[in-house]
Structure formats: structure tokens, C-alpha cells
Amino acid sequence: MSHASGSPQGAAGGSAVPPNPHKNKAIALATAAAVGGFLFGFDSSVINGAVEGFTEDFQILDMSAGSFIKAFVVAVALLGCALGAWVGGKLADLWGRTRVMFLGAVLFFLSSILSAFAFGVWDLALWRFMAGIGIGVASVIAPAYIAEIAPAAIRGRLGSLQQLAIVLGIFAALLSDQLLAIATGVEENPSSAELWFGLEAWRWMFLVAVIPAVVYGILALRIPESPRYLVSIRKEDEARKVLADVLPPDEDPQERIDQIKKTIAEDKEHAQHASLRGPGGKLLPVVWVGILLSVFQQFVGINVIFYYSNTLWQAVGFDASDSFTYSTITSVTNVVVTFIAIALIDKVGRRPLLLVGSVGMALTLGIMALAFTQSFEVPDPANAGEMLTQLPDTWGVAALISANLFVVFFGATWGPLVWVLLGEIFPNRIRAAALGLAAAAQWIANFIITITFPPLLDTFGATIPYLLYAIFAALSFFFVLWKVPETKGIQLEDMEGVKVERNRRGTATAS
């Protein structure tokens, strides 16, 4: 049995090892799989540029419950993501990792075209739900595949590519939305203006998503299958070839295959343990660890910063017309700090980075909540009868700095590390299914945060929601301290029974 405190052989924190073809091959395969994360990020942000366009074209606000319908169309993709993640985890064990990747690409490709040519609000909602299924599938398969082809010494860095792809996808969507809006030459709601071939700009925003979908589909057809899946279907020669390409020269592919075969044999011997549930019918503790990691990642409110950033920016005195600039700054910050995680994850480890992130997020969110206790309202010069929330200069600066530091702490820790851990903490026999359940929980948590922030803001102001997110960030610290094991340098075949070790003050079983 392996423990978190063990010193991994060939760990990234040791002496520098010159680049080798095997490492480059592993990086290339991980990068290809992580394109699914790009789709995830692109889809979550492309809707922001299109929403005002289809709202006007379909006259959504003229309908009864128009505000709810608008919010539902925006958020319904998240429910599709939850379904896609849950189904994708199960299909990955039946069909293999790369076939499920291709399925995700096809769903996203079709939904992008159908969304662009939607004729009404309800069919648009349906196609957005389909897009969510594709994204959910991609979100669960990428970390599983990367973990299964990556050498243990660099698995954390390669797993972090998923989050890097997500934030790059967010930036690409924001950029493409803005370029299409500029191309219309219209200042007032440009996304509803006609662009090329009689199609409005918002429709082109969805059509652009076809490009990454095609790229992902081609890559899914070209990359090799996961060696663990190949061994499970008795294609050992193919598995050996894949492992020979990615493992360092001092590791024997056949020895790794023997380890995989041993765990598969143990799974067959104890078939009842292949379930996500224990003998009492309850979910296994390690599955709960994965679910709660996912929930905490969303309940700290990161998507409030991305989806509803205008509230903060206007409160500190910036003009709403510059919202793209603000969103871009946040997006670029998120991209840059992800490289911090990539640099540190295999040197420092998972637990220390998560603990630092929890403390940093709790403090910055707490400052933001405190700042908004000093807010006041003034008439909105752009909208008669409407009010704008404002902050005094000093508190405005504090809130602005805290918001960006929050993105830094999240982007360097909880953003990428949760995906890495979801790909590695589960035993082989339940990895895909457990990852699917955990990812589904993440999408549902995302949906809850997305739809609850506006009513919380309207009812209580910004202080209460930011305070709630700060409390969840603080709770995440104790969750990591007590329940999340360190997995740095541990082979996936040895992940069964890995324990939490807290400075020799006792252990808690994680699986």
C-alpha cells in the first residue's frame, strides 16, 4: 500500500532530467486530450456575448417570466454538462476513452450549428442542453485519459493542462465574441445586428465553436487508446506500445502492464467492489472526496466572478461599456496563474497548494464581503429609474484588488488541482464512473451558483453572497486537511488505500 508521505521515484522535485522523446510524447497526448477542456471553457463563455442578441431577436423579455426564461437558456447547458459527465464516465468503461472523446466532439459540433440556426427560444435551449452533454463528456474523459497515460513524476503537470485549456477556451470565446461584435459596426447591442449571409452576430458566435469541435474530433481519432482500457479488453500488445512511447527509459512497460493486469484480476475476484458503493450500500469514502472537491471548487463562487463581473466593476466606478476589457483582464490573469500550478504541482504537491488556495480565497472573499457593507446606491445615468451600487474609493480599490487576488489563488490552486485529483485519486476499477459522478456534481454545483447569485444580489446586496463563498472557502481548508490524500508521485495502480497524513497526528482512510 502506498502512502502520501512516500518519496516518489523520479519525482519532479528531484534533480533535473533532460527532455526525452517519451516525455514529449506524453505531453503531446495530454495536450490533445485537454482540448476537451478548451471546449468546456469556450462554451461557458461564448454564451455571454450572444445572450443579448438572442434575447432581443426572440423577444424573450416580452414573454411572461421573460427574465427566468433568459436565465434558463443561459444555464441549461450546465444541466446538460451534468448528464454528459455522468453518462460519459459509464460509457468510457464500455467504449474506451477516445471513442467517448469523439462522441463529445460530435455532440458539440452538432449543437453549435443547430444553436446558430435556432428559430426560437425553446429549440435554442434544447441545443444548448445538447452542447452541455458534449462538454460534460469531454470534461470527464480528459482528466481520466491524461492520468492514465502520464508518467507518475509529471502526472500533476500534465493533468493541469486541462485547466489551462479551460481558461484558454474562456479567453478565446471572449475574444471571438468581441471581434464579431466589432465587425458589425454597431454600438448598441451589436450581437443582434446582422453580419454575414444574413445571420446575426450572435449566431456567428455559436458557429465559431464548430472550429474547436472539429479539432477535438480529429485529435480523438488520432491519439491512442488508454493503456489501462486496452489491457482490460486484452489488447496487451497495443497497451505495451502506448506505454513504451510515454514511459521514461528506466520504467519497463511490461512491468506496468503486469501491475494493471493484477488490479484487473483483483477487481474480477471481488466484483462487488467494482461498484461505487460499499458493503452497506453507501458511496465509498473516496467517491465522496471526489464529489466534495468538485462542489467546493464551485461553491467558492469562481463563476460569479466570470459571469457577473459587471456588478463589481461598476461598483468601483468603471463604465459598463468596457465590460469586455474587464473580463479579458480576469481571463488573462487566470491563464497566467495556471502556469504557477503547472510549475509547482509535482514539486510542492497537491495538498499544500490546495490549503494555500483555501486560505487565500477565504481572505479575499471576506474582504470583498466587508467592502460591500460600505456600498451605497446612486441613480443610473444610462437607465432612468434604475440604481447603481457604488463603493467609496478606498473600499472600491480593496474590492478590486481582492477580486483579482481571488482569481490568482483559485487559478493557481483549486482550478487545476481538482481536475488533477479527480483523474488520480480513484482506484482503477471505478475511475471513469467515479470521475463521471464527481464531474456531474461539479456541473450541478456550477448551476446552483449561477442561478442563485442574481436573487441573492437583489435581495441582500453583494455582501451576503460573497460572505457565503468565503465561508465555503474556509470550510474547504478543513476538508482538504482532514480528507484529501497527497497523491504526488504515486502510481495509479497503487492508489488503492492511499491515506491522509497530517503531520503524524493520525490518519484517515481515503478509500
Protein backbone atom coordinates (compact mmCIF):
# COMPACT_ATOMS: atom_id res chain seq x y z
CA MET A 1 0.00 0.00 0.00
CA SER A 2 1.32 3.44 -0.90
CA HIS A 3 1.13 6.47 1.33
CA ALA A 4 1.15 10.14 0.60
CA SER A 5 4.33 10.68 2.52
CA GLY A 6 6.39 8.36 0.36
CA SER A 7 9.16 9.81 -1.77
CA PRO A 8 8.31 9.11 -5.39
CA GLN A 9 11.00 7.78 -7.61
CA GLY A 10 11.94 10.23 -10.27
CA ALA A 11 9.70 12.92 -8.78
CA ALA A 12 9.72 16.32 -10.38
CA GLY A 13 11.22 17.84 -7.26
CA GLY A 14 14.47 15.90 -7.74
CA SER A 15 17.44 16.62 -9.96
CA ALA A 16 16.67 17.99 -13.39
CA VAL A 17 16.20 15.38 -16.08
CA PRO A 18 16.90 16.37 -19.67
CA PRO A 19 13.90 16.24 -22.04
CA ASN A 20 13.37 12.91 -23.76
CA PRO A 21 11.11 11.69 -26.57
CA HIS A 22 8.96 9.71 -24.13
CA LYS A 23 8.20 12.77 -22.07
CA ASN A 24 7.44 14.77 -25.21
CA LYS A 25 5.05 12.06 -26.40
CA ALA A 26 3.23 12.09 -23.06
CA ILE A 27 2.93 15.87 -23.23
CA ALA A 28 1.57 15.70 -26.79
CA LEU A 29 -1.08 13.13 -25.88
CA ALA A 30 -2.09 15.05 -22.75
CA THR A 31 -2.36 18.26 -24.75
CA ALA A 32 -4.58 16.58 -27.33
CA ALA A 33 -6.90 15.21 -24.64
CA ALA A 34 -7.01 18.59 -22.89
CA VAL A 35 -8.62 20.18 -25.97
CA GLY A 36 -11.83 18.92 -24.38
CA GLY A 37 -11.17 21.46 -21.64
CA PHE A 38 -10.89 24.15 -24.31
CA LEU A 39 -14.41 23.25 -25.49
CA PHE A 40 -15.57 23.48 -21.87
CA GLY A 41 -14.13 26.98 -21.43
CA PHE A 42 -15.21 28.19 -24.86
CA ASP A 43 -18.80 27.08 -24.40
CA SER A 44 -19.14 28.53 -20.90
CA SER A 45 -18.12 31.98 -22.14
CA VAL A 46 -19.43 32.19 -25.73
CA ILE A 47 -22.99 32.42 -24.41
CA ASN A 48 -22.12 35.66 -22.61
CA GLY A 49 -21.56 37.51 -25.86
CA ALA A 50 -24.62 36.00 -27.54
CA VAL A 51 -27.21 36.37 -24.78
CA GLU A 52 -28.33 39.94 -25.50
CA GLY A 53 -28.60 39.15 -29.21
CA PHE A 54 -30.92 36.15 -28.97
CA THR A 55 -32.84 37.82 -26.13
CA GLU A 56 -33.76 40.67 -28.48
CA ASP A 57 -34.30 38.55 -31.60
CA PHE A 58 -36.62 36.10 -29.84
CA GLN A 59 -38.21 38.91 -27.76
CA ILE A 60 -37.67 36.87 -24.61
CA LEU A 61 -38.20 39.76 -22.21
CA ASP A 62 -41.63 40.39 -23.76
CA MET A 63 -42.75 36.93 -22.66
CA SER A 64 -44.28 36.17 -19.28
CA ALA A 65 -41.44 35.16 -16.92
CA GLY A 66 -39.04 36.53 -19.54
CA SER A 67 -36.17 37.05 -17.06
CA PHE A 68 -36.43 33.43 -15.89
CA ILE A 69 -36.51 32.15 -19.48
CA LYS A 70 -33.41 34.17 -20.34
CA ALA A 71 -31.54 32.83 -17.29
CA PHE A 72 -32.70 29.28 -18.07
CA VAL A 73 -31.37 29.39 -21.64
CA VAL A 74 -28.01 30.58 -20.30
CA ALA A 75 -27.81 27.98 -17.54
CA VAL A 76 -29.48 24.94 -19.14
CA ALA A 77 -26.17 23.87 -20.71
CA LEU A 78 -24.85 23.25 -17.19
CA LEU A 79 -27.57 20.65 -16.60
CA GLY A 80 -26.58 19.00 -19.88
CA CYS A 81 -22.97 19.02 -18.67
CA ALA A 82 -24.00 17.16 -15.50
CA LEU A 83 -25.79 14.50 -17.56
CA GLY A 84 -22.89 14.26 -20.03
CA ALA A 85 -20.34 13.82 -17.24
CA TRP A 86 -22.39 11.09 -15.55
CA VAL A 87 -23.07 9.19 -18.79
CA GLY A 88 -19.56 9.79 -20.13
CA GLY A 89 -17.96 8.10 -17.14
CA LYS A 90 -20.03 4.97 -17.69
CA LEU A 91 -19.51 4.92 -21.46
CA ALA A 92 -15.74 5.29 -21.03
CA ASP A 93 -15.58 1.87 -19.39
CA LEU A 94 -17.71 0.33 -22.14
CA TRP A 95 -16.40 2.02 -25.29
CA GLY A 96 -12.98 3.30 -24.30
CA ARG A 97 -11.70 6.81 -23.65
CA THR A 98 -11.02 8.02 -27.20
CA ARG A 99 -14.40 6.92 -28.62
CA VAL A 100 -16.17 8.86 -25.90
CA MET A 101 -14.00 11.89 -26.65
CA PHE A 102 -15.15 11.68 -30.26
CA LEU A 103 -18.77 11.42 -29.14
CA GLY A 104 -18.33 14.64 -27.14
CA ALA A 105 -16.84 16.38 -30.18
CA VAL A 106 -19.76 15.28 -32.40
CA LEU A 107 -22.37 16.47 -29.91
CA PHE A 108 -20.66 19.84 -29.54
CA PHE A 109 -20.25 20.20 -33.31
CA LEU A 110 -23.94 19.49 -34.00
CA SER A 111 -25.19 21.68 -31.16
CA SER A 112 -23.06 24.61 -32.33
CA ILE A 113 -24.62 24.52 -35.80
CA LEU A 114 -28.15 23.94 -34.51
CA SER A 115 -27.81 26.75 -31.94
CA ALA A 116 -26.65 29.11 -34.69
CA PHE A 117 -29.76 28.33 -36.76
CA ALA A 118 -32.25 28.17 -33.88
CA PHE A 119 -35.68 29.53 -34.80
CA GLY A 120 -36.98 30.09 -31.26
CA VAL A 121 -36.07 30.22 -27.61
CA TRP A 122 -37.11 26.66 -26.79
CA ASP A 123 -35.20 24.91 -29.54
CA LEU A 124 -32.18 27.07 -28.66
CA ALA A 125 -32.49 25.81 -25.08
CA LEU A 126 -32.60 22.24 -26.41
CA TRP A 127 -29.44 22.69 -28.50
CA ARG A 128 -27.69 24.35 -25.57
CA PHE A 129 -28.59 21.32 -23.46
CA MET A 130 -27.06 19.11 -26.18
CA ALA A 131 -23.91 21.24 -26.13
CA GLY A 132 -23.76 20.71 -22.39
CA ILE A 133 -23.89 16.93 -22.80
CA GLY A 134 -20.91 17.11 -25.18
CA ILE A 135 -18.97 19.35 -22.82
CA GLY A 136 -19.78 17.14 -19.85
CA VAL A 137 -18.49 14.10 -21.71
CA ALA A 138 -15.26 15.90 -22.63
CA SER A 139 -14.79 17.23 -19.09
CA VAL A 140 -14.80 13.79 -17.52
CA ILE A 141 -12.77 11.92 -20.13
CA ALA A 142 -9.82 14.33 -20.40
CA PRO A 143 -8.55 14.05 -16.79
CA ALA A 144 -9.05 10.26 -16.78
CA TYR A 145 -7.14 9.79 -20.04
CA ILE A 146 -4.32 12.15 -19.03
CA ALA A 147 -3.87 10.43 -15.68
CA GLU A 148 -3.75 7.01 -17.36
CA ILE A 149 -1.10 7.85 -19.96
CA ALA A 150 1.08 10.17 -17.84
CA PRO A 151 4.23 9.03 -16.01
CA ALA A 152 3.76 9.50 -12.25
CA ALA A 153 6.58 12.06 -11.97
CA ILE A 154 4.87 14.56 -14.30
CA ARG A 155 1.23 13.48 -13.95
CA GLY A 156 0.30 16.60 -11.99
CA ARG A 157 1.71 18.97 -14.58
CA LEU A 158 0.04 17.11 -17.43
CA GLY A 159 -3.25 16.96 -15.55
CA SER A 160 -3.07 20.74 -15.06
CA LEU A 161 -3.24 21.14 -18.84
CA GLN A 162 -6.99 20.50 -18.54
CA GLN A 163 -7.46 23.72 -16.54
CA LEU A 164 -5.05 25.63 -18.79
CA ALA A 165 -7.15 24.56 -21.79
CA ILE A 166 -10.33 25.67 -19.98
CA VAL A 167 -9.06 29.19 -19.28
CA LEU A 168 -7.65 29.48 -22.81
CA GLY A 169 -11.07 28.48 -24.10
CA ILE A 170 -12.69 31.21 -21.98
CA PHE A 171 -10.29 33.78 -23.40
CA ALA A 172 -10.79 32.58 -26.99
CA ALA A 173 -14.58 32.82 -26.64
CA LEU A 174 -14.41 36.33 -25.20
CA LEU A 175 -12.06 37.40 -27.97
CA SER A 176 -14.12 35.89 -30.78
CA ASP A 177 -17.33 37.39 -29.36
CA GLN A 178 -15.74 40.83 -29.23
CA LEU A 179 -14.28 40.62 -32.74
CA LEU A 180 -17.66 39.60 -34.16
CA ALA A 181 -19.37 42.42 -32.26
CA ILE A 182 -16.85 44.92 -33.64
CA ALA A 183 -17.34 43.55 -37.17
CA THR A 184 -21.00 44.60 -37.08
CA GLY A 185 -20.03 48.27 -36.69
CA VAL A 186 -22.96 48.69 -34.30
CA GLU A 187 -22.53 50.06 -30.78
CA GLU A 188 -25.98 49.32 -29.30
CA ASN A 189 -26.40 45.56 -28.76
CA PRO A 190 -24.10 44.55 -31.66
CA SER A 191 -24.74 40.83 -31.13
CA SER A 192 -28.28 41.24 -32.54
CA ALA A 193 -27.03 43.10 -35.62
CA GLU A 194 -26.86 41.34 -38.98
CA LEU A 195 -23.39 40.28 -40.04
CA TRP A 196 -22.61 37.93 -42.96
CA PHE A 197 -25.04 35.95 -45.15
CA GLY A 198 -27.98 37.49 -43.33
CA LEU A 199 -27.06 35.90 -40.00
CA GLU A 200 -26.94 37.96 -36.82
CA ALA A 201 -23.65 38.23 -34.92
CA TRP A 202 -24.87 36.05 -32.04
CA ARG A 203 -25.46 33.20 -34.48
CA TRP A 204 -21.89 33.53 -35.76
CA MET A 205 -20.67 33.38 -32.15
CA PHE A 206 -22.12 29.87 -31.92
CA LEU A 207 -20.86 28.89 -35.38
CA VAL A 208 -17.28 29.74 -34.43
CA ALA A 209 -17.47 26.92 -31.86
CA VAL A 210 -17.50 24.45 -34.78
CA ILE A 211 -13.75 25.00 -35.21
CA PRO A 212 -12.56 23.66 -31.83
CA ALA A 213 -15.16 20.87 -32.07
CA VAL A 214 -13.66 19.68 -35.37
CA VAL A 215 -10.11 19.91 -33.99
CA TYR A 216 -11.08 17.88 -30.93
CA GLY A 217 -12.82 15.26 -33.02
CA ILE A 218 -9.79 14.82 -35.31
CA LEU A 219 -7.45 14.53 -32.33
CA ALA A 220 -9.73 11.97 -30.67
CA LEU A 221 -9.47 9.79 -33.79
CA ARG A 222 -5.69 10.07 -33.94
CA ILE A 223 -4.50 9.59 -30.36
CA PRO A 224 -4.02 6.05 -28.97
CA GLU A 225 -6.43 4.50 -26.50
CA SER A 226 -5.65 4.48 -22.78
CA PRO A 227 -3.32 1.57 -21.94
CA ARG A 228 -5.48 0.66 -18.94
CA TYR A 229 -8.55 0.28 -21.12
CA LEU A 230 -6.55 -1.70 -23.71
CA VAL A 231 -5.36 -4.15 -21.06
CA SER A 232 -8.93 -4.51 -19.78
CA ILE A 233 -10.05 -5.68 -23.26
CA ARG A 234 -6.99 -7.92 -23.65
CA LYS A 235 -5.09 -5.83 -26.19
CA GLU A 236 -1.81 -6.01 -24.34
CA ASP A 237 0.41 -5.50 -27.38
CA GLU A 238 -1.27 -2.16 -28.14
CA ALA A 239 -1.05 -1.16 -24.47
CA ARG A 240 2.65 -2.02 -24.39
CA LYS A 241 3.27 0.14 -27.45
CA VAL A 242 1.49 3.12 -25.88
CA LEU A 243 3.39 2.74 -22.60
CA ALA A 244 6.71 2.36 -24.41
CA ASP A 245 6.08 5.73 -26.06
CA VAL A 246 5.28 7.65 -22.85
CA LEU A 247 7.22 5.99 -20.01
CA PRO A 248 10.78 7.11 -19.23
CA PRO A 249 13.57 4.70 -20.25
CA ASP A 250 14.06 3.41 -16.70
CA GLU A 251 10.47 2.10 -16.49
CA ASP A 252 9.52 -1.24 -18.02
CA PRO A 253 6.21 -1.18 -19.97
CA GLN A 254 5.68 -4.88 -19.30
CA GLU A 255 6.03 -4.35 -15.56
CA ARG A 256 3.36 -1.65 -15.74
CA ILE A 257 1.09 -3.94 -17.75
CA ASP A 258 1.56 -6.66 -15.13
CA GLN A 259 0.51 -4.17 -12.44
CA ILE A 260 -2.60 -3.23 -14.42
CA LYS A 261 -3.46 -6.90 -15.01
CA LYS A 262 -3.07 -7.57 -11.30
CA THR A 263 -5.53 -4.84 -10.35
CA ILE A 264 -7.98 -6.03 -13.04
CA ALA A 265 -7.73 -9.59 -11.72
CA GLU A 266 -8.35 -8.37 -8.18
CA ASP A 267 -11.37 -6.46 -9.43
CA LYS A 268 -12.81 -9.59 -11.05
CA GLU A 269 -12.14 -11.62 -7.91
CA HIS A 270 -14.03 -9.08 -5.85
CA ALA A 271 -16.55 -7.95 -8.46
CA GLN A 272 -18.85 -6.40 -5.91
CA HIS A 273 -16.13 -3.87 -5.11
CA ALA A 274 -16.29 -2.53 -8.66
CA SER A 275 -19.33 -0.57 -7.51
CA LEU A 276 -19.10 3.00 -6.29
CA ARG A 277 -20.89 1.81 -3.17
CA GLY A 278 -19.51 -0.03 -0.18
CA PRO A 279 -20.93 -3.12 1.57
CA GLY A 280 -23.61 -1.05 3.33
CA GLY A 281 -24.86 0.46 0.09
CA LYS A 282 -23.32 3.85 0.84
CA LEU A 283 -20.97 5.64 -1.54
CA LEU A 284 -17.32 4.81 -0.92
CA PRO A 285 -15.43 7.48 1.09
CA VAL A 286 -13.08 8.19 -1.83
CA VAL A 287 -16.09 8.89 -4.07
CA TRP A 288 -17.36 11.41 -1.53
CA VAL A 289 -13.92 13.03 -1.52
CA GLY A 290 -14.17 13.50 -5.29
CA ILE A 291 -17.72 14.84 -5.11
CA LEU A 292 -16.90 17.33 -2.36
CA LEU A 293 -13.74 18.51 -4.14
CA SER A 294 -15.95 19.30 -7.13
CA VAL A 295 -18.63 21.03 -5.07
CA PHE A 296 -16.17 23.17 -3.11
CA GLN A 297 -14.46 24.21 -6.35
CA GLN A 298 -17.75 25.77 -7.49
CA PHE A 299 -19.18 26.91 -4.15
CA VAL A 300 -16.32 29.38 -3.64
CA GLY A 301 -18.10 31.39 -6.34
CA ILE A 302 -15.50 31.48 -9.09
CA ASN A 303 -18.15 31.63 -11.80
CA VAL A 304 -19.78 34.63 -10.16
CA ILE A 305 -16.54 36.50 -10.88
CA PHE A 306 -16.68 35.43 -14.54
CA TYR A 307 -20.43 35.54 -15.21
CA TYR A 308 -21.43 38.58 -13.15
CA SER A 309 -18.26 40.64 -13.01
CA ASN A 310 -20.03 43.79 -14.20
CA THR A 311 -21.60 44.22 -10.76
CA LEU A 312 -18.18 44.53 -9.18
CA TRP A 313 -16.60 46.61 -11.92
CA GLN A 314 -19.44 49.15 -11.93
CA ALA A 315 -19.40 49.34 -8.14
CA VAL A 316 -15.79 50.53 -8.19
CA GLY A 317 -16.54 53.18 -10.78
CA PHE A 318 -15.83 51.64 -14.17
CA ASP A 319 -18.15 52.06 -17.14
CA ALA A 320 -20.26 49.04 -18.12
CA SER A 321 -19.40 49.62 -21.79
CA ASP A 322 -15.86 48.45 -21.04
CA SER A 323 -17.02 45.06 -19.73
CA PHE A 324 -15.00 43.14 -22.35
CA THR A 325 -11.81 44.81 -21.13
CA TYR A 326 -12.56 43.82 -17.54
CA SER A 327 -13.45 40.25 -18.47
CA THR A 328 -10.31 39.98 -20.58
CA ILE A 329 -8.11 41.14 -17.70
CA THR A 330 -9.65 38.50 -15.44
CA SER A 331 -9.36 35.86 -18.17
CA VAL A 332 -5.70 36.61 -18.89
CA THR A 333 -4.93 36.59 -15.16
CA ASN A 334 -6.50 33.14 -14.90
CA VAL A 335 -4.38 31.86 -17.80
CA VAL A 336 -1.12 33.22 -16.37
CA VAL A 337 -1.60 31.87 -12.85
CA THR A 338 -2.44 28.40 -14.16
CA PHE A 339 1.24 28.17 -15.12
CA ILE A 340 2.06 28.59 -11.42
CA ALA A 341 0.17 25.40 -10.69
CA ILE A 342 1.85 23.60 -13.59
CA ALA A 343 5.27 24.62 -12.24
CA LEU A 344 4.60 23.67 -8.62
CA ILE A 345 2.18 20.75 -8.54
CA ASP A 346 4.75 17.96 -8.93
CA LYS A 347 7.27 19.72 -6.70
CA VAL A 348 5.18 21.01 -3.81
CA GLY A 349 2.33 18.51 -4.03
CA ARG A 350 -1.45 18.73 -4.21
CA ARG A 351 -2.43 19.22 -0.56
CA PRO A 352 -0.16 22.20 0.25
CA LEU A 353 -1.33 24.11 -2.82
CA LEU A 354 -4.99 23.43 -2.06
CA LEU A 355 -4.57 24.56 1.55
CA VAL A 356 -2.87 27.79 0.49
CA GLY A 357 -5.60 28.36 -2.07
CA SER A 358 -8.37 27.86 0.50
CA VAL A 359 -6.84 30.40 2.88
CA GLY A 360 -6.23 32.92 0.11
CA MET A 361 -9.75 32.59 -1.29
CA ALA A 362 -11.36 32.85 2.14
CA LEU A 363 -9.45 36.05 2.96
CA THR A 364 -10.04 37.76 -0.39
CA LEU A 365 -13.73 36.86 -0.48
CA GLY A 366 -14.06 38.04 3.11
CA ILE A 367 -12.55 41.42 2.18
CA MET A 368 -14.94 41.71 -0.76
CA ALA A 369 -17.92 40.97 1.53
CA LEU A 370 -16.68 43.56 4.02
CA ALA A 371 -16.16 46.15 1.28
CA PHE A 372 -19.76 45.84 0.09
CA THR A 373 -21.05 46.59 3.60
CA GLN A 374 -19.93 50.16 2.78
CA SER A 375 -21.79 50.31 -0.55
CA PHE A 376 -24.39 52.93 -1.45
CA GLU A 377 -26.72 53.46 -4.41
CA VAL A 378 -26.86 56.25 -6.98
CA PRO A 379 -29.17 56.80 -9.99
CA ASP A 380 -28.02 55.03 -13.15
CA PRO A 381 -27.34 57.76 -15.73
CA ALA A 382 -27.83 55.28 -18.58
CA ASN A 383 -31.17 53.85 -17.39
CA ALA A 384 -33.81 56.15 -15.96
CA GLY A 385 -35.31 54.88 -12.73
CA GLU A 386 -32.54 52.30 -12.20
CA MET A 387 -29.97 52.42 -9.40
CA LEU A 388 -26.27 51.56 -9.40
CA THR A 389 -24.34 50.14 -6.44
CA GLN A 390 -21.19 52.12 -5.69
CA LEU A 391 -18.26 51.76 -3.27
CA PRO A 392 -16.21 54.52 -1.65
CA ASP A 393 -12.79 54.96 -3.26
CA THR A 394 -10.76 53.11 -0.61
CA TRP A 395 -13.19 50.22 -0.35
CA GLY A 396 -13.51 50.09 -4.13
CA VAL A 397 -9.76 49.64 -4.53
CA ALA A 398 -9.76 46.98 -1.79
CA ALA A 399 -12.59 45.08 -3.50
CA LEU A 400 -10.91 45.33 -6.90
CA ILE A 401 -7.56 44.05 -5.63
CA SER A 402 -9.26 41.29 -3.63
CA ALA A 403 -11.28 40.11 -6.63
CA ASN A 404 -8.18 39.75 -8.77
CA LEU A 405 -6.22 38.08 -5.96
CA PHE A 406 -9.12 35.66 -5.55
CA VAL A 407 -8.74 34.71 -9.22
CA VAL A 408 -4.99 34.28 -8.65
CA PHE A 409 -5.48 31.95 -5.66
CA PHE A 410 -8.18 29.94 -7.45
CA GLY A 411 -6.35 29.74 -10.77
CA ALA A 412 -3.09 28.61 -9.17
CA THR A 413 -4.65 26.00 -6.87
CA TRP A 414 -8.27 24.83 -6.84
CA GLY A 415 -8.89 25.47 -10.53
CA PRO A 416 -6.37 22.98 -11.96
CA LEU A 417 -5.73 20.76 -8.93
CA VAL A 418 -9.28 19.49 -8.58
CA TRP A 419 -9.17 18.15 -12.14
CA VAL A 420 -5.78 16.55 -11.46
CA LEU A 421 -7.03 14.87 -8.28
CA LEU A 422 -10.23 13.66 -9.92
CA GLY A 423 -8.08 11.91 -12.52
CA GLU A 424 -5.89 10.15 -9.98
CA ILE A 425 -7.49 9.53 -6.55
CA PHE A 426 -9.93 6.82 -7.65
CA PRO A 427 -8.86 3.17 -7.87
CA ASN A 428 -8.60 1.74 -11.38
CA ARG A 429 -11.79 -0.29 -11.16
CA ILE A 430 -14.04 2.75 -10.58
CA ARG A 431 -12.03 5.64 -12.02
CA ALA A 432 -14.17 6.55 -15.03
CA ALA A 433 -17.51 6.03 -13.27
CA ALA A 434 -16.46 7.85 -10.10
CA LEU A 435 -14.96 10.71 -12.08
CA GLY A 436 -18.21 10.98 -14.02
CA LEU A 437 -20.23 11.23 -10.81
CA ALA A 438 -17.86 13.81 -9.32
CA ALA A 439 -17.86 15.88 -12.51
CA ALA A 440 -21.67 15.74 -12.63
CA ALA A 441 -21.73 17.09 -9.07
CA GLN A 442 -19.42 19.90 -10.19
CA TRP A 443 -21.73 20.93 -13.01
CA ILE A 444 -24.78 20.86 -10.74
CA ALA A 445 -22.92 23.00 -8.20
CA ASN A 446 -21.99 25.39 -11.02
CA PHE A 447 -25.67 25.58 -12.00
CA ILE A 448 -26.74 26.30 -8.41
CA ILE A 449 -24.21 29.13 -8.02
CA THR A 450 -25.10 30.58 -11.43
CA ILE A 451 -28.85 30.80 -10.82
CA THR A 452 -28.73 31.81 -7.13
CA PHE A 453 -26.39 34.79 -7.34
CA PRO A 454 -28.84 37.21 -9.05
CA PRO A 455 -31.66 36.70 -6.49
CA LEU A 456 -29.17 36.82 -3.60
CA LEU A 457 -27.75 40.04 -5.03
CA ASP A 458 -31.19 41.59 -5.49
CA THR A 459 -32.37 40.59 -2.01
CA PHE A 460 -29.30 41.10 0.17
CA GLY A 461 -26.78 43.02 -1.91
CA ALA A 462 -23.29 41.70 -2.69
CA THR A 463 -22.16 41.26 0.92
CA ILE A 464 -24.16 38.11 1.72
CA PRO A 465 -23.24 36.05 -1.37
CA TYR A 466 -19.54 36.94 -1.09
CA LEU A 467 -19.66 36.08 2.63
CA LEU A 468 -21.23 32.70 1.81
CA TYR A 469 -18.49 31.97 -0.72
CA ALA A 470 -15.85 32.97 1.85
CA ILE A 471 -17.37 30.51 4.34
CA PHE A 472 -17.24 27.71 1.77
CA ALA A 473 -13.60 28.60 1.02
CA ALA A 474 -12.80 28.36 4.74
CA LEU A 475 -14.60 25.01 5.01
CA SER A 476 -12.64 23.73 2.02
CA PHE A 477 -9.42 24.22 4.04
CA PHE A 478 -10.55 21.81 6.75
CA PHE A 479 -11.93 19.38 4.18
CA VAL A 480 -8.52 19.18 2.46
CA LEU A 481 -6.71 18.96 5.80
CA TRP A 482 -8.81 16.04 7.05
CA LYS A 483 -9.96 14.15 3.96
CA VAL A 484 -7.83 14.75 0.85
CA PRO A 485 -4.75 12.49 0.45
CA GLU A 486 -1.49 13.54 -1.17
CA THR A 487 -1.05 11.72 -4.49
CA LYS A 488 2.19 13.24 -5.75
CA GLY A 489 4.37 10.62 -7.41
CA ILE A 490 2.13 7.64 -6.58
CA GLN A 491 1.45 5.23 -9.42
CA LEU A 492 -2.23 4.90 -10.34
CA GLU A 493 -2.07 1.17 -9.65
CA ASP A 494 -1.03 1.98 -6.08
CA MET A 495 -3.81 4.50 -5.44
CA GLU A 496 -5.97 1.89 -3.67
CA GLY A 497 -5.93 2.61 0.06
CA VAL A 498 -3.92 5.84 -0.10
CA LYS A 499 -4.30 7.66 3.21
CA VAL A 500 -4.42 11.20 4.52
CA GLU A 501 -1.39 12.02 6.68
CA ARG A 502 -1.46 15.17 8.80
CA ASN A 503 1.95 15.70 10.34
CA ARG A 504 1.78 12.29 12.06
CA ARG A 505 -1.28 13.33 14.03
CA GLY A 506 -3.28 10.34 12.87
CA THR A 507 -4.55 9.08 9.56
CA ALA A 508 -7.89 8.95 7.85
CA THR A 509 -8.65 6.37 5.22
CA ALA A 510 -9.48 7.94 1.86
CA SER A 511 -10.75 4.89 0.07
